[in-house]
Amino acid sequence: MISVIVPTYNRAHRLPRALDSILCQSYSPKEIIVVDDGSTDETSDLMTSEYSEIVFIQQQNTGVSSARNAGIKRASGDWIAFLDSDDEWLPKKLEIQMKALYKNPEIKICHTNEIWIRNGKRVNPKKKHGKFGGWIFQKCLPLCCISPSSVIIHKSIFKEIGLFDYSLPVCEDYDLWLRITARNPVLYIEKPFLIKYGGHEDQLSKKYWGMDRFRIKSLEKIISSRVLSDLDENAAKKMLMEKIYIFIQGAQKRGKIKEVKKFKEQYSTFLQ
């Protein structure tokens, strides 16, 4: 019983590819929920004319986290799957994941490998973008190592750890994975069942400089939550120091004097 949630913003030209890849799945989801985060293009007309069978929610533009959270709250399925409106699933994605989860009933989250397309060409991810299964909290500390579009999560997890942090304009998925993997093992399917398209200008990762400042906030949160083992807490604190140093170095190069001063004052104990 899967609810698929598709957040979108001004992507009427890309949304059909994503939705068609859901509709073509060999394992049909219970429902598809598109959450339109205040689009000003033809998204509403597209949904009404071409995809009237899909649940369509419209809200003011408050960000991707808010859109995903609205979908989670509306979802009636036991399992939640996400698909970003610029990505695409391969036809057996849901079927393979549900079969794997059936064989591993103790697992509540599953993700798959992925294919990267940048500016129309396939590219190979770097080693640092590797994917893993098991207790992977420490693997999730450097970068986001689970793609939202590849994941299936049991709805009970959100009751346990909360929803996406809408105060984070980006790296909201990094924040969620830290909270989940600190408490739960992860099932990983090595075969790719997701196509991720990149290089276009409306990607959120292109909108903000100094992305590590958002990861710093997430690391602070998970450390202060007191849910980490001693080993995981030490690893998180070490990564926090690294992220603070990297951010300060980048801010200095950009001439962001105020940000440098603020971070040095705020994290003086970590920098000593």
Protein backbone atom coordinates (compact mmCIF):
# COMPACT_ATOMS: atom_id res chain seq x y z
CA MET A 1 0.00 0.00 0.00
CA ILE A 2 2.23 2.79 -1.32
CA SER A 3 1.50 6.50 -1.49
CA VAL A 4 3.76 8.29 -3.97
CA ILE A 5 4.39 11.97 -3.27
CA VAL A 6 5.59 14.31 -6.01
CA PRO A 7 6.47 17.88 -4.96
CA THR A 8 6.67 20.34 -7.84
CA TYR A 9 7.22 24.01 -8.57
CA ASN A 10 6.98 25.51 -12.07
CA ARG A 11 7.92 22.26 -13.81
CA ALA A 12 4.93 21.64 -16.05
CA HIS A 13 7.42 20.88 -18.84
CA ARG A 14 9.12 18.11 -16.82
CA LEU A 15 6.32 16.81 -14.61
CA PRO A 16 4.71 14.47 -17.23
CA ARG A 17 7.91 12.40 -17.50
CA ALA A 18 7.92 11.85 -13.74
CA LEU A 19 4.20 11.05 -13.50
CA ASP A 20 4.22 8.72 -16.51
CA SER A 21 7.08 6.76 -14.92
CA ILE A 22 4.87 6.20 -11.85
CA LEU A 23 1.85 5.20 -13.90
CA CYS A 24 3.97 2.67 -15.83
CA GLN A 25 5.15 0.84 -12.70
CA SER A 26 4.69 -2.94 -12.67
CA TYR A 27 3.57 -2.56 -9.03
CA SER A 28 0.84 0.06 -8.93
CA PRO A 29 0.81 2.41 -5.93
CA LYS A 30 -2.35 2.97 -3.93
CA GLU A 31 -2.29 6.68 -4.75
CA ILE A 32 -0.20 9.40 -6.35
CA ILE A 33 -0.17 12.81 -4.67
CA VAL A 34 1.21 15.83 -6.51
CA VAL A 35 1.83 18.81 -4.26
CA ASP A 36 2.11 22.04 -6.24
CA ASP A 37 4.21 24.47 -4.21
CA GLY A 38 2.73 27.68 -5.62
CA SER A 39 3.52 27.20 -9.32
CA THR A 40 2.78 30.09 -11.69
CA ASP A 41 3.14 28.09 -14.91
CA GLU A 42 0.70 25.62 -16.54
CA THR A 43 0.97 22.95 -13.82
CA SER A 44 -2.65 23.29 -12.70
CA ASP A 45 -3.99 23.07 -16.26
CA LEU A 46 -1.78 20.06 -16.95
CA MET A 47 -3.02 18.18 -13.91
CA THR A 48 -6.66 18.96 -14.64
CA SER A 49 -6.53 18.01 -18.31
CA GLU A 50 -4.03 15.13 -18.39
CA TYR A 51 -3.85 13.65 -14.88
CA SER A 52 -7.26 14.15 -13.31
CA GLU A 53 -7.06 10.74 -11.59
CA ILE A 54 -4.10 11.90 -9.49
CA VAL A 55 -4.58 13.64 -6.15
CA PHE A 56 -3.58 17.27 -6.69
CA ILE A 57 -2.82 19.61 -3.78
CA GLN A 58 -2.01 23.29 -4.24
CA GLN A 59 -0.33 25.45 -1.63
CA GLN A 60 1.50 28.76 -1.35
CA ASN A 61 5.18 28.66 -2.22
CA THR A 62 6.79 27.54 1.05
CA GLY A 63 9.46 25.13 -0.18
CA VAL A 64 10.02 21.48 -1.02
CA SER A 65 10.02 20.34 2.62
CA SER A 66 6.62 21.89 3.23
CA ALA A 67 5.32 20.30 0.01
CA ARG A 68 6.57 16.83 0.95
CA ASN A 69 5.16 17.21 4.47
CA ALA A 70 1.75 18.14 3.05
CA GLY A 71 1.86 14.98 0.95
CA ILE A 72 2.84 12.80 3.91
CA LYS A 73 -0.04 14.18 5.98
CA ARG A 74 -2.49 13.50 3.13
CA ALA A 75 -1.15 10.01 2.35
CA SER A 76 -3.24 6.99 3.29
CA GLY A 77 -0.72 4.29 2.36
CA ASP A 78 1.45 2.34 4.79
CA TRP A 79 4.54 3.16 2.76
CA ILE A 80 5.68 6.52 1.38
CA ALA A 81 7.68 6.91 -1.83
CA PHE A 82 8.96 10.24 -3.14
CA LEU A 83 9.69 11.29 -6.69
CA ASP A 84 11.01 14.75 -7.51
CA SER A 85 9.32 16.27 -10.52
CA ASP A 86 12.55 16.36 -12.55
CA ASP A 87 13.41 12.69 -11.95
CA GLU A 88 12.15 9.42 -13.44
CA TRP A 89 11.64 5.86 -12.21
CA LEU A 90 12.43 2.71 -14.14
CA PRO A 91 9.35 0.44 -14.56
CA LYS A 92 10.05 -2.17 -11.85
CA LYS A 93 11.26 0.16 -9.13
CA LEU A 94 8.37 -0.25 -6.70
CA GLU A 95 8.00 -3.98 -7.39
CA ILE A 96 11.64 -4.77 -6.65
CA GLN A 97 11.69 -2.66 -3.51
CA MET A 98 8.51 -4.15 -2.07
CA LYS A 99 9.77 -7.68 -2.74
CA ALA A 100 13.00 -6.83 -0.91
CA LEU A 101 11.12 -5.29 2.00
CA TYR A 102 8.84 -8.33 2.21
CA LYS A 103 11.94 -10.50 2.64
CA ASN A 104 13.29 -8.13 5.32
CA PRO A 105 10.24 -7.28 7.46
CA GLU A 106 12.36 -5.65 10.16
CA ILE A 107 13.51 -2.91 7.73
CA LYS A 108 11.43 0.26 7.35
CA ILE A 109 13.39 2.15 4.70
CA CYS A 110 14.75 1.05 1.33
CA HIS A 111 16.65 2.92 -1.39
CA THR A 112 18.21 2.00 -4.72
CA ASN A 113 21.13 2.93 -6.89
CA GLU A 114 20.62 5.58 -9.56
CA ILE A 115 21.62 6.74 -13.03
CA TRP A 116 22.83 10.33 -13.42
CA ILE A 117 22.06 12.41 -16.49
CA ARG A 118 23.70 15.87 -16.62
CA ASN A 119 22.84 18.22 -19.47
CA GLY A 120 21.58 15.29 -21.52
CA LYS A 121 24.62 13.04 -21.00
CA ARG A 122 25.11 10.14 -18.63
CA VAL A 123 27.84 10.73 -16.05
CA ASN A 124 29.37 8.47 -13.43
CA PRO A 125 28.97 9.51 -9.78
CA LYS A 126 32.18 10.02 -7.84
CA LYS A 127 33.29 7.63 -5.11
CA LYS A 128 32.10 10.06 -2.42
CA HIS A 129 28.53 9.66 -3.75
CA GLY A 130 28.52 5.90 -3.09
CA LYS A 131 25.38 4.22 -1.73
CA PHE A 132 25.19 1.79 1.19
CA GLY A 133 22.88 -0.36 3.27
CA GLY A 134 22.78 -1.40 6.91
CA TRP A 135 23.52 0.94 9.81
CA ILE A 136 24.84 3.78 7.68
CA PHE A 137 24.63 6.84 9.95
CA GLN A 138 28.36 7.57 9.69
CA LYS A 139 28.22 7.10 5.90
CA CYS A 140 25.56 9.85 5.80
CA LEU A 141 27.67 12.45 7.62
CA PRO A 142 29.80 13.88 4.74
CA LEU A 143 27.06 14.22 2.09
CA CYS A 144 23.50 13.16 1.35
CA CYS A 145 23.90 9.50 0.39
CA ILE A 146 20.23 8.64 -0.12
CA SER A 147 18.26 10.24 -2.94
CA PRO A 148 14.67 11.14 -1.97
CA SER A 149 13.45 9.90 -5.35
CA SER A 150 14.89 6.43 -4.73
CA VAL A 151 13.46 5.81 -1.28
CA ILE A 152 10.47 3.99 0.20
CA ILE A 153 9.81 4.69 3.88
CA HIS A 154 7.27 3.14 6.22
CA LYS A 155 4.93 5.86 7.45
CA SER A 156 5.58 4.91 11.08
CA ILE A 157 9.10 6.33 10.78
CA PHE A 158 7.73 9.85 10.45
CA LYS A 159 5.80 9.38 13.69
CA GLU A 160 9.06 8.35 15.32
CA ILE A 161 11.43 11.04 14.02
CA GLY A 162 9.18 13.80 12.64
CA LEU A 163 8.76 15.24 9.14
CA PHE A 164 11.10 17.22 6.90
CA ASP A 165 12.54 20.34 8.55
CA TYR A 166 10.87 23.14 6.56
CA SER A 167 13.28 25.72 8.05
CA LEU A 168 15.99 24.26 5.78
CA PRO A 169 15.71 25.62 2.21
CA VAL A 170 18.13 22.91 1.01
CA CYS A 171 19.82 19.84 2.57
CA GLU A 172 16.46 18.94 4.11
CA ASP A 173 17.00 15.38 2.90
CA TYR A 174 20.46 15.24 4.53
CA ASP A 175 18.79 16.27 7.78
CA LEU A 176 16.10 13.60 7.48
CA TRP A 177 18.55 10.80 6.68
CA LEU A 178 20.63 11.64 9.76
CA ARG A 179 17.55 11.37 11.97
CA ILE A 180 16.42 8.12 10.35
CA THR A 181 19.77 6.31 10.12
CA ALA A 182 20.62 7.17 13.73
CA ARG A 183 17.71 4.92 14.72
CA ASN A 184 17.13 2.51 11.83
CA PRO A 185 19.04 0.20 9.47
CA VAL A 186 18.60 0.80 5.74
CA LEU A 187 17.98 -1.67 2.93
CA TYR A 188 19.92 -0.92 -0.26
CA ILE A 189 19.29 -2.30 -3.76
CA GLU A 190 22.45 -2.02 -5.83
CA LYS A 191 20.71 -2.08 -9.21
CA PRO A 192 19.64 1.42 -10.37
CA PHE A 193 15.91 2.07 -10.60
CA LEU A 194 16.04 5.89 -10.65
CA ILE A 195 17.16 8.32 -13.34
CA LYS A 196 18.25 11.66 -11.86
CA TYR A 197 18.42 14.58 -14.26
CA GLY A 198 20.68 17.51 -13.44
CA GLY A 199 22.25 20.59 -14.93
CA HIS A 200 19.07 22.66 -15.27
CA GLU A 201 18.91 26.09 -13.71
CA ASP A 202 15.95 25.52 -11.39
CA GLN A 203 17.80 23.00 -9.23
CA LEU A 204 17.81 24.13 -5.60
CA SER A 205 21.48 23.18 -5.24
CA LYS A 206 22.33 26.01 -7.64
CA LYS A 207 20.39 28.59 -5.66
CA TYR A 208 22.48 28.72 -2.48
CA TRP A 209 26.18 29.17 -1.80
CA GLY A 210 27.84 27.56 1.22
CA MET A 211 25.60 24.50 1.43
CA ASP A 212 27.52 23.23 4.45
CA ARG A 213 25.92 25.89 6.66
CA PHE A 214 22.66 23.91 6.41
CA ARG A 215 24.43 20.62 7.12
CA ILE A 216 26.02 22.28 10.17
CA LYS A 217 22.56 23.04 11.52
CA SER A 218 21.47 19.43 10.97
CA LEU A 219 24.57 18.08 12.69
CA GLU A 220 23.95 20.32 15.68
CA LYS A 221 20.39 19.03 15.90
CA ILE A 222 21.28 15.35 15.78
CA ILE A 223 24.10 15.73 18.31
CA SER A 224 21.84 17.57 20.75
CA SER A 225 19.06 14.97 20.33
CA ARG A 226 20.93 12.50 22.57
CA VAL A 227 19.91 9.51 20.43
CA LEU A 228 23.40 8.72 19.09
CA SER A 229 25.69 6.00 20.32
CA ASP A 230 29.07 7.16 21.62
CA LEU A 231 30.78 6.17 18.37
CA ASP A 232 28.19 7.93 16.20
CA GLU A 233 28.24 11.03 18.41
CA ASN A 234 32.03 11.30 18.19
CA ALA A 235 31.87 10.89 14.41
CA ALA A 236 29.14 13.55 14.15
CA LYS A 237 31.15 16.01 16.27
CA LYS A 238 34.23 15.43 14.13
CA MET A 239 32.21 16.03 10.97
CA LEU A 240 30.69 19.18 12.50
CA MET A 241 34.18 20.61 13.05
CA GLU A 242 35.12 19.76 9.45
CA LYS A 243 31.98 21.39 8.06
CA ILE A 244 32.51 24.55 10.13
CA TYR A 245 36.09 24.84 8.88
CA ILE A 246 35.07 24.25 5.24
CA PHE A 247 32.28 26.84 5.48
CA ILE A 248 34.53 29.49 7.01
CA GLN A 249 37.19 28.93 4.34
CA GLY A 250 34.58 29.28 1.58
CA ALA A 251 33.00 32.36 3.15
CA GLN A 252 36.40 34.05 3.43
CA LYS A 253 37.09 33.44 -0.27
CA ARG A 254 33.73 35.00 -1.12
CA GLY A 255 34.35 38.02 1.11
CA LYS A 256 31.48 37.11 3.44
CA ILE A 257 33.03 38.87 6.43
CA LYS A 258 29.88 38.93 8.58
CA GLU A 259 29.27 35.21 8.11
CA VAL A 260 32.91 34.42 8.95
CA LYS A 261 32.76 36.47 12.15
CA LYS A 262 29.42 34.93 13.16
CA PHE A 263 30.61 31.36 12.68
CA LYS A 264 33.93 31.93 14.42
CA GLU A 265 32.13 33.37 17.44
CA GLN A 266 29.40 30.74 17.47
CA TYR A 267 31.75 27.77 17.10
CA SER A 268 34.88 29.03 18.84
CA THR A 269 34.95 25.97 21.13
CA PHE A 270 34.97 23.61 18.14
CA LEU A 271 37.70 25.56 16.36
CA GLN A 272 40.14 25.54 19.29
